[in-house]
Amino acid sequence: MKIAVFGLGYVGAVSAACLASDGHQVIGVDPNQTKVDLINAGQTPIIEADVGEMIGAEVNGGRLRATTETDEAVVSSDISLICVGTPSQLNGNLDLTYVRRVCEQIGEALRDEDRYHVVAARSTMLPGSMRGVVIPTLEAASGKTAGVDFGVCNNPEFLREGTAVWDYHHPPKTVIGETDAKAGELLATLYENLDSPMIRTGVEVAEMVKYADNNWHAIKVAFANEIGAISKAIGIDGRQVMEIFCQDTKLNLSPYYLKPGFAFGGSCLPKDVRALTYKARELDLDVPLLNSVLPSNRRQVERAIAMITSKGKRKVGVLGFAFKAGTDDLRESPVVDVIEHLIGKGYDLRLYDDNVNMAALTGANRDYILNHIPHIARLMVDTVEEVIDFAETIVVGNGAKEFRSAIERLGPDQMVIDLVRVADRTSDDSYDGICW
């Protein structure tokens, strides 16, 4: 395939070299004449393992060249990859000047082209940038319509400096956010020989995936460093602690706990976060990441309250208020926090949780339920149907299986607020998910 790579910096140079080595005809585009001359001389414009040798081989083999001329590159290619920089502004926002400029140039080159052409952005951009900047700029400059006359995709890269070539050929995943299936299909052919999951999705999801990845990596570094700082202060080898931590691939290094939903609660997590941050203060250590965990968790409770109160309905039913399904444990249940707030604001409530009902009769939590939260105990009912018959707004507080079918029986005037995603739906006029 014929490919134009716009921007011959780190991502662009690596992408151009790897694509050419895969047998594609690649033309690199950059306004910097020095970079163009280096490529055409078979030399690398960046310092990265193996890239120099690859560029030399592909230029000599006639599969890679570079130019400063946008029109030439677009006219002679099937796909344009945008790999220009998106640096930070002083306020932390992205500077999309280079993206906007190259989109104008590509759009102008497409104005007189009748062939279907795909423009794919590998530059890292915040969600909304494709539809807010890239697509409007391309359409204005070309006079054509994205998804009809030409295709647009977001194609984030997952390259690490120092191992970029290996990463290109062994990605953890390939993500294509597409405006139309034809564009996604064409772009996907570039990666058909890679042994990695191919994920085709919407452009906004693809944009956000890149930020989820990089922010998660940053959080992992900060977390390990704060655990290391506390460990060192009490005479423990923090490296040894984290080596043992990383051997747990069932919970610690796994998808577990990484699904957006409601706040955490129960007898362990809140207590242990408080204890460790207290220990850090006792040691005069500043651990801002760990200190932010409980406030962040509290914000999720506040989001749920705001969702409920924004509906303007005074009759609220809650399905599930133990801190998770399959338990009767109400200790530090975030749903109990929500219930108590609504009671304080004068809402009329009915509550159902089969496990909690049984605990109120015979379980170890009987004393807690009847003596510590009697105002909640008085609002408990015996069946799901009693909640459904009463409430204008139904709040799903944990993932008990019976709640999935229950919310399918609601009337047209009832609203579901789902805190745990018991339903595989997106938010609409009768259903609202806390993170979806």
Protein backbone atom coordinates (compact mmCIF):
# COMPACT_ATOMS: atom_id res chain seq x y z
CA MET A 1 0.00 0.00 0.00
CA LYS A 2 1.09 3.62 -0.53
CA ILE A 3 1.34 5.61 2.70
CA ALA A 4 2.19 9.23 3.51
CA VAL A 5 3.53 9.90 7.00
CA PHE A 6 3.17 13.52 8.13
CA GLY A 7 5.74 14.50 10.75
CA LEU A 8 9.16 12.88 10.85
CA GLY A 9 9.77 13.17 14.56
CA TYR A 10 9.84 10.24 16.93
CA VAL A 11 6.50 8.57 16.10
CA GLY A 12 6.60 9.47 12.41
CA ALA A 13 10.14 8.28 11.75
CA VAL A 14 9.56 4.97 13.55
CA SER A 15 6.20 4.43 11.80
CA ALA A 16 7.65 5.26 8.38
CA ALA A 17 10.62 2.91 8.83
CA CYS A 18 8.48 0.03 10.13
CA LEU A 19 5.81 0.41 7.45
CA ALA A 20 8.45 0.46 4.72
CA SER A 21 10.10 -2.63 6.21
CA ASP A 22 6.68 -4.34 5.99
CA GLY A 23 6.78 -3.78 2.23
CA HIS A 24 4.67 -0.64 1.86
CA GLN A 25 5.63 2.35 -0.28
CA VAL A 26 6.14 5.17 2.22
CA ILE A 27 6.70 8.88 1.72
CA GLY A 28 7.53 10.99 4.75
CA VAL A 29 6.44 14.62 4.90
CA ASP A 30 7.98 17.30 7.07
CA PRO A 31 8.52 21.08 6.68
CA ASN A 32 12.01 20.67 8.15
CA GLN A 33 14.33 20.31 5.16
CA THR A 34 17.10 18.85 7.33
CA LYS A 35 14.90 15.91 8.39
CA VAL A 36 13.83 15.33 4.79
CA ASP A 37 17.43 15.38 3.59
CA LEU A 38 18.51 12.95 6.30
CA ILE A 39 15.79 10.46 5.34
CA ASN A 40 16.59 10.72 1.64
CA ALA A 41 20.26 10.14 2.46
CA GLY A 42 19.28 6.96 4.29
CA GLN A 43 19.92 8.41 7.73
CA THR A 44 17.69 8.71 10.78
CA PRO A 45 16.46 12.07 12.11
CA ILE A 46 16.01 10.56 15.61
CA ILE A 47 18.02 8.45 18.04
CA GLU A 48 16.27 5.11 18.45
CA ALA A 49 17.54 1.52 18.34
CA ASP A 50 17.38 -0.11 14.87
CA VAL A 51 15.69 2.83 13.15
CA GLY A 52 18.83 4.06 11.42
CA GLU A 53 19.58 0.69 9.88
CA MET A 54 15.95 0.27 8.79
CA ILE A 55 15.79 3.71 7.16
CA GLY A 56 19.04 3.08 5.30
CA ALA A 57 17.82 -0.29 4.01
CA GLU A 58 14.38 0.95 2.97
CA VAL A 59 15.68 4.08 1.21
CA ASN A 60 18.19 1.95 -0.70
CA GLY A 61 15.39 -0.50 -1.52
CA GLY A 62 13.21 2.27 -2.93
CA ARG A 63 10.39 1.85 -0.41
CA LEU A 64 11.01 5.02 1.61
CA ARG A 65 11.59 8.63 0.69
CA ALA A 66 10.77 12.06 2.12
CA THR A 67 9.55 15.41 0.89
CA THR A 68 8.40 18.82 2.09
CA GLU A 69 5.54 18.85 -0.43
CA THR A 70 2.15 17.85 0.96
CA ASP A 71 0.33 17.66 -2.39
CA GLU A 72 2.86 15.24 -3.81
CA ALA A 73 2.54 12.96 -0.79
CA VAL A 74 -1.29 12.91 -0.66
CA VAL A 75 -1.76 12.42 -4.39
CA SER A 76 0.67 9.50 -4.46
CA SER A 77 -0.76 7.67 -1.40
CA ASP A 78 -3.82 5.78 -0.19
CA ILE A 79 -3.47 6.63 3.50
CA SER A 80 -2.12 9.71 5.27
CA LEU A 81 -0.85 9.16 8.82
CA ILE A 82 -0.70 12.28 10.97
CA CYS A 83 2.24 11.95 13.37
CA VAL A 84 2.94 15.59 14.24
CA GLY A 85 3.57 16.81 17.78
CA THR A 86 0.86 17.90 20.19
CA PRO A 87 2.86 19.76 22.87
CA SER A 88 1.47 21.15 26.12
CA GLN A 89 0.35 24.74 26.46
CA LEU A 90 1.17 26.66 29.64
CA ASN A 91 -2.27 25.83 31.09
CA GLY A 92 -1.81 22.10 30.45
CA ASN A 93 -4.05 21.94 27.40
CA LEU A 94 -2.74 20.54 24.12
CA ASP A 95 -1.43 22.78 21.38
CA LEU A 96 -3.01 21.44 18.18
CA THR A 97 -1.41 24.03 15.90
CA TYR A 98 0.61 21.44 14.00
CA VAL A 99 -2.37 19.09 13.69
CA ARG A 100 -4.59 21.86 12.38
CA ARG A 101 -1.95 23.01 9.89
CA VAL A 102 -1.30 19.55 8.44
CA CYS A 103 -5.06 18.88 8.20
CA GLU A 104 -5.44 22.08 6.19
CA GLN A 105 -2.65 20.95 3.86
CA ILE A 106 -4.05 17.42 3.45
CA GLY A 107 -7.56 18.81 2.90
CA GLU A 108 -6.35 21.18 0.18
CA ALA A 109 -4.57 18.30 -1.54
CA LEU A 110 -7.77 16.22 -1.40
CA ARG A 111 -9.91 18.95 -2.98
CA ASP A 112 -9.22 17.81 -6.55
CA GLU A 113 -8.82 14.11 -5.76
CA ASP A 114 -11.54 11.69 -6.80
CA ARG A 115 -9.99 8.63 -5.15
CA TYR A 116 -11.09 7.53 -1.69
CA HIS A 117 -8.34 8.47 0.76
CA VAL A 118 -8.00 7.71 4.48
CA VAL A 119 -6.57 10.21 6.96
CA ALA A 120 -5.49 8.55 10.21
CA ALA A 121 -4.24 10.47 13.25
CA ARG A 122 -1.56 8.79 15.33
CA SER A 123 -0.80 12.03 17.17
CA THR A 124 -2.05 11.93 20.76
CA MET A 125 -5.11 14.17 21.14
CA LEU A 126 -7.77 14.62 23.81
CA PRO A 127 -11.21 13.08 23.23
CA GLY A 128 -13.22 15.37 20.97
CA SER A 129 -10.21 16.60 19.00
CA MET A 130 -10.98 14.43 15.97
CA ARG A 131 -14.55 15.69 15.63
CA GLY A 132 -13.78 19.18 16.93
CA VAL A 133 -10.58 19.94 15.00
CA VAL A 134 -9.38 17.24 12.60
CA ILE A 135 -12.61 16.47 10.73
CA PRO A 136 -13.91 20.08 10.44
CA THR A 137 -10.51 21.28 9.23
CA LEU A 138 -10.22 18.53 6.63
CA GLU A 139 -13.78 19.14 5.42
CA ALA A 140 -13.36 22.92 5.22
CA ALA A 141 -10.09 22.67 3.30
CA SER A 142 -11.24 19.91 0.93
CA GLY A 143 -14.85 20.88 0.41
CA LYS A 144 -15.69 17.23 0.96
CA THR A 145 -17.46 15.17 3.63
CA ALA A 146 -15.65 12.85 6.03
CA GLY A 147 -17.04 9.32 6.07
CA VAL A 148 -18.37 9.78 2.53
CA ASP A 149 -15.75 11.31 0.24
CA PHE A 150 -12.78 10.38 2.39
CA GLY A 151 -12.24 8.38 5.56
CA VAL A 152 -10.94 9.53 8.94
CA CYS A 153 -9.58 7.35 11.73
CA ASN A 154 -7.84 7.75 15.06
CA ASN A 155 -5.01 5.24 15.39
CA PRO A 156 -3.11 5.76 18.68
CA GLU A 157 0.43 4.43 18.95
CA PHE A 158 1.85 2.54 21.92
CA LEU A 159 5.58 3.07 21.39
CA ARG A 160 8.15 3.43 24.15
CA GLU A 161 11.36 5.33 23.53
CA GLY A 162 14.26 2.93 23.37
CA THR A 163 12.14 -0.07 22.33
CA ALA A 164 9.92 1.57 19.71
CA VAL A 165 10.68 -0.79 16.83
CA TRP A 166 10.03 -3.86 18.96
CA ASP A 167 6.87 -2.23 20.30
CA TYR A 168 5.65 -1.45 16.78
CA HIS A 169 5.92 -5.09 15.76
CA HIS A 170 4.66 -6.46 19.11
CA PRO A 171 1.93 -4.04 20.26
CA PRO A 172 -0.28 -4.87 23.25
CA LYS A 173 -3.24 -3.98 21.02
CA THR A 174 -4.05 -2.20 17.79
CA VAL A 175 -6.82 0.37 18.17
CA ILE A 176 -8.63 1.99 15.25
CA GLY A 177 -11.29 4.60 15.92
CA GLU A 178 -13.19 4.94 12.67
CA THR A 179 -15.76 7.30 11.17
CA ASP A 180 -16.85 4.67 8.68
CA ALA A 181 -16.24 0.96 8.19
CA LYS A 182 -14.49 1.41 4.84
CA ALA A 183 -11.84 3.64 6.40
CA GLY A 184 -11.30 1.29 9.31
CA GLU A 185 -11.02 -1.73 7.01
CA LEU A 186 -8.40 -0.08 4.82
CA LEU A 187 -6.33 1.10 7.77
CA ALA A 188 -6.54 -2.32 9.45
CA THR A 189 -4.74 -3.92 6.50
CA LEU A 190 -1.55 -2.14 7.61
CA TYR A 191 -1.52 -4.22 10.79
CA GLU A 192 -2.98 -7.53 9.60
CA ASN A 193 0.30 -9.40 10.18
CA LEU A 194 0.75 -8.22 13.76
CA ASP A 195 0.07 -10.72 16.54
CA SER A 196 -2.11 -8.50 18.71
CA PRO A 197 -5.82 -7.84 19.31
CA MET A 198 -7.37 -5.66 16.61
CA ILE A 199 -9.94 -3.31 18.16
CA ARG A 200 -12.15 -1.17 15.93
CA THR A 201 -14.26 1.37 17.76
CA GLY A 202 -15.45 4.98 17.68
CA VAL A 203 -12.98 7.83 17.35
CA GLU A 204 -13.67 9.25 20.82
CA VAL A 205 -13.08 5.88 22.47
CA ALA A 206 -9.78 5.49 20.60
CA GLU A 207 -8.70 8.98 21.67
CA MET A 208 -9.53 8.23 25.32
CA VAL A 209 -7.80 4.83 25.32
CA LYS A 210 -4.44 6.50 24.75
CA TYR A 211 -4.97 8.79 27.74
CA ALA A 212 -6.21 5.95 29.92
CA ASP A 213 -3.01 4.04 29.07
CA ASN A 214 -0.57 6.86 29.74
CA ASN A 215 -2.26 8.08 32.90
CA TRP A 216 -2.39 4.52 34.24
CA HIS A 217 1.33 4.12 33.60
CA ALA A 218 1.98 7.40 35.41
CA ILE A 219 -0.19 6.30 38.36
CA LYS A 220 1.69 3.00 38.59
CA VAL A 221 5.04 4.80 38.82
CA ALA A 222 3.75 7.21 41.46
CA PHE A 223 2.09 4.40 43.44
CA ALA A 224 5.26 2.28 43.50
CA ASN A 225 7.32 5.29 44.56
CA GLU A 226 4.97 6.18 47.44
CA ILE A 227 4.90 2.57 48.67
CA GLY A 228 8.69 2.61 48.37
CA ALA A 229 8.99 5.85 50.35
CA ILE A 230 6.83 4.53 53.22
CA SER A 231 8.67 1.20 53.17
CA LYS A 232 12.10 2.84 53.34
CA ALA A 233 11.03 5.11 56.20
CA ILE A 234 10.11 2.08 58.32
CA GLY A 235 13.19 0.08 57.33
CA ILE A 236 11.67 -2.16 54.65
CA ASP A 237 13.00 -2.77 51.12
CA GLY A 238 10.29 -1.22 48.92
CA ARG A 239 11.58 -3.12 45.88
CA GLN A 240 10.98 -6.41 47.64
CA VAL A 241 7.46 -5.33 48.61
CA MET A 242 6.59 -4.42 45.03
CA GLU A 243 8.21 -7.56 43.59
CA ILE A 244 5.87 -9.64 45.76
CA PHE A 245 2.97 -7.33 44.88
CA CYS A 246 3.58 -7.91 41.16
CA GLN A 247 3.43 -11.70 41.53
CA ASP A 248 -0.32 -11.40 42.07
CA THR A 249 -1.78 -11.48 38.56
CA LYS A 250 -5.28 -12.42 39.76
CA LEU A 251 -6.02 -9.08 41.41
CA ASN A 252 -3.05 -6.68 41.43
CA LEU A 253 -1.92 -6.91 37.80
CA SER A 254 -5.18 -7.81 36.15
CA PRO A 255 -8.44 -6.30 34.84
CA TYR A 256 -9.98 -6.75 38.30
CA TYR A 257 -11.01 -3.42 39.89
CA LEU A 258 -10.43 -1.63 36.56
CA LYS A 259 -14.05 -1.37 35.47
CA PRO A 260 -15.67 2.04 35.94
CA GLY A 261 -18.55 1.97 38.39
CA PHE A 262 -19.44 3.04 41.90
CA ALA A 263 -17.24 3.85 44.87
CA PHE A 264 -15.47 1.18 46.89
CA GLY A 265 -16.50 0.32 50.43
CA GLY A 266 -16.49 -2.56 52.89
CA SER A 267 -14.44 -3.44 55.89
CA CYS A 268 -10.98 -3.44 54.25
CA LEU A 269 -10.24 -0.86 51.58
CA PRO A 270 -11.35 2.37 53.30
CA LYS A 271 -9.84 1.30 56.62
CA ASP A 272 -6.50 0.29 55.14
CA VAL A 273 -6.11 3.40 52.98
CA ARG A 274 -6.74 5.52 56.08
CA ALA A 275 -4.24 3.51 58.13
CA LEU A 276 -1.43 3.70 55.57
CA THR A 277 -1.86 7.42 54.94
CA TYR A 278 -1.93 7.99 58.71
CA LYS A 279 1.35 6.08 58.98
CA ALA A 280 2.84 8.27 56.24
CA ARG A 281 1.85 11.43 58.15
CA GLU A 282 3.36 9.95 61.31
CA LEU A 283 6.60 9.50 59.36
CA ASP A 284 6.38 13.07 57.99
CA LEU A 285 6.04 11.73 54.46
CA ASP A 286 3.97 13.44 51.78
CA VAL A 287 2.14 10.82 49.69
CA PRO A 288 -0.22 12.88 47.51
CA LEU A 289 -1.41 9.96 45.38
CA LEU A 290 -2.45 7.79 48.33
CA ASN A 291 -3.86 10.84 50.12
CA SER A 292 -6.12 11.50 47.13
CA VAL A 293 -7.68 8.02 47.06
CA LEU A 294 -10.41 8.51 49.68
CA PRO A 295 -11.36 12.02 48.46
CA SER A 296 -11.59 10.63 44.91
CA ASN A 297 -13.80 7.79 46.17
CA ARG A 298 -16.01 10.31 47.93
CA ARG A 299 -16.45 12.26 44.68
CA GLN A 300 -18.00 9.15 43.10
CA VAL A 301 -20.56 9.04 45.90
CA GLU A 302 -21.32 12.71 45.29
CA ARG A 303 -21.74 12.04 41.56
CA ALA A 304 -24.32 9.37 42.33
CA ILE A 305 -26.23 11.72 44.63
CA ALA A 306 -26.19 14.44 41.98
CA MET A 307 -27.52 11.99 39.36
CA ILE A 308 -30.42 11.01 41.61
CA THR A 309 -31.37 14.51 42.71
CA SER A 310 -31.10 15.89 39.17
CA LYS A 311 -34.03 13.71 38.06
CA GLY A 312 -36.46 15.75 40.15
CA LYS A 313 -38.30 12.69 41.50
CA ARG A 314 -38.98 12.36 45.22
CA LYS A 315 -39.84 8.63 45.36
CA VAL A 316 -36.61 6.64 45.14
CA GLY A 317 -36.15 2.89 45.29
CA VAL A 318 -32.77 1.26 45.93
CA LEU A 319 -31.99 -2.27 44.75
CA GLY A 320 -28.94 -3.52 46.63
CA PHE A 321 -27.21 -1.53 49.36
CA ALA A 322 -24.63 -3.92 50.80
CA PHE A 323 -21.23 -2.71 49.58
CA LYS A 324 -21.22 -5.44 46.90
CA ALA A 325 -23.43 -8.27 45.69
CA GLY A 326 -23.32 -11.57 47.54
CA THR A 327 -22.64 -10.11 50.97
CA ASP A 328 -24.64 -8.64 53.83
CA ASP A 329 -21.82 -6.28 54.83
CA LEU A 330 -23.00 -2.69 55.22
CA ARG A 331 -19.80 -1.40 56.78
CA GLU A 332 -18.77 1.73 54.89
CA SER A 333 -21.12 0.85 52.06
CA PRO A 334 -21.15 3.88 49.72
CA VAL A 335 -24.78 3.14 48.85
CA VAL A 336 -25.68 3.60 52.54
CA ASP A 337 -24.04 7.05 52.31
CA VAL A 338 -26.27 7.86 49.35
CA ILE A 339 -29.37 6.62 51.19
CA GLU A 340 -28.60 8.65 54.31
CA HIS A 341 -28.09 11.80 52.23
CA LEU A 342 -31.44 11.30 50.49
CA ILE A 343 -33.19 10.67 53.81
CA GLY A 344 -31.72 13.91 55.12
CA LYS A 345 -33.04 15.77 52.09
CA GLY A 346 -36.57 14.48 52.65
CA TYR A 347 -36.78 11.89 49.88
CA ASP A 348 -39.27 9.04 50.23
CA LEU A 349 -37.35 5.75 49.93
CA ARG A 350 -37.87 2.00 49.72
CA LEU A 351 -34.87 -0.33 49.98
CA TYR A 352 -34.37 -3.94 48.98
CA ASP A 353 -31.40 -6.25 49.38
CA ASP A 354 -32.09 -9.92 49.94
CA ASN A 355 -28.81 -10.53 51.76
CA VAL A 356 -29.34 -7.59 54.08
CA ASN A 357 -32.91 -8.70 54.82
CA MET A 358 -31.62 -12.06 56.00
CA ALA A 359 -28.85 -10.42 58.01
CA ALA A 360 -31.42 -8.26 59.80
CA LEU A 361 -33.08 -11.45 61.04
CA THR A 362 -30.18 -13.76 61.81
CA GLY A 363 -26.81 -12.49 60.66
CA ALA A 364 -23.83 -10.95 62.37
CA ASN A 365 -24.84 -7.52 61.08
CA ARG A 366 -28.17 -7.60 62.94
CA ASP A 367 -26.96 -5.30 65.70
CA TYR A 368 -25.44 -2.87 63.21
CA ILE A 369 -28.60 -2.73 61.09
CA LEU A 370 -31.09 -2.41 63.94
CA ASN A 371 -29.07 -0.20 66.29
CA HIS A 372 -26.70 1.86 64.14
CA ILE A 373 -28.85 2.51 61.08
CA PRO A 374 -32.44 1.92 62.30
CA HIS A 375 -33.68 4.73 60.06
CA ILE A 376 -32.56 2.62 57.08
CA ALA A 377 -33.90 -0.62 58.54
CA ARG A 378 -37.38 0.89 58.68
CA LEU A 379 -37.32 1.55 54.93
CA MET A 380 -36.45 -2.02 53.94
CA VAL A 381 -39.02 -4.05 52.02
CA ASP A 382 -39.22 -7.76 51.34
CA THR A 383 -39.37 -7.94 47.54
CA VAL A 384 -38.05 -6.26 44.42
CA GLU A 385 -41.63 -5.75 43.27
CA GLU A 386 -42.40 -3.52 46.24
CA VAL A 387 -39.57 -1.22 45.19
CA ILE A 388 -40.63 -1.20 41.54
CA ASP A 389 -44.29 -0.54 42.37
CA PHE A 390 -43.35 2.39 44.61
CA ALA A 391 -40.44 4.26 43.05
CA GLU A 392 -40.20 6.86 40.32
CA THR A 393 -36.41 6.52 40.27
CA ILE A 394 -34.76 3.11 40.73
CA VAL A 395 -31.14 3.10 41.91
CA VAL A 396 -29.20 -0.13 41.32
CA GLY A 397 -26.57 -0.24 44.06
CA ASN A 398 -24.92 -3.62 43.56
CA GLY A 399 -24.74 -6.31 40.92
CA ALA A 400 -27.14 -8.96 42.23
CA LYS A 401 -28.33 -11.00 39.24
CA GLU A 402 -32.03 -10.53 40.02
CA PHE A 403 -31.75 -6.79 39.41
CA ARG A 404 -30.96 -7.18 35.70
CA SER A 405 -34.37 -8.64 34.90
CA ALA A 406 -36.08 -6.36 37.41
CA ILE A 407 -35.18 -3.14 35.61
CA GLU A 408 -36.58 -4.53 32.37
CA ARG A 409 -40.05 -4.51 33.97
CA LEU A 410 -40.18 -0.79 34.66
CA GLY A 411 -42.88 1.49 33.34
CA PRO A 412 -42.33 4.31 30.82
CA ASP A 413 -42.30 6.99 33.53
CA GLN A 414 -39.68 5.31 35.71
CA MET A 415 -35.98 6.09 35.58
CA VAL A 416 -33.05 3.73 36.30
CA ILE A 417 -29.79 4.97 37.75
CA ASP A 418 -27.29 2.14 37.39
CA LEU A 419 -24.20 2.38 39.60
CA VAL A 420 -22.75 -1.03 38.72
CA ARG A 421 -23.82 -1.72 35.09
CA VAL A 422 -26.26 -4.55 35.62
CA ALA A 423 -27.67 -3.61 32.20
CA ASP A 424 -25.63 -3.51 29.03
CA ARG A 425 -27.03 -0.17 27.93
CA THR A 426 -25.90 3.37 27.30
CA SER A 427 -27.54 6.33 28.99
CA ASP A 428 -30.83 7.57 27.55
CA ASP A 429 -34.10 9.14 28.75
CA SER A 430 -35.01 6.17 30.97
CA TYR A 431 -31.58 4.83 31.93
CA ASP A 432 -28.51 6.57 33.32
CA GLY A 433 -25.19 4.84 34.03
CA ILE A 434 -22.71 6.46 36.35
CA CYS A 435 -19.72 6.05 33.97
CA TRP A 436 -21.29 5.05 30.67
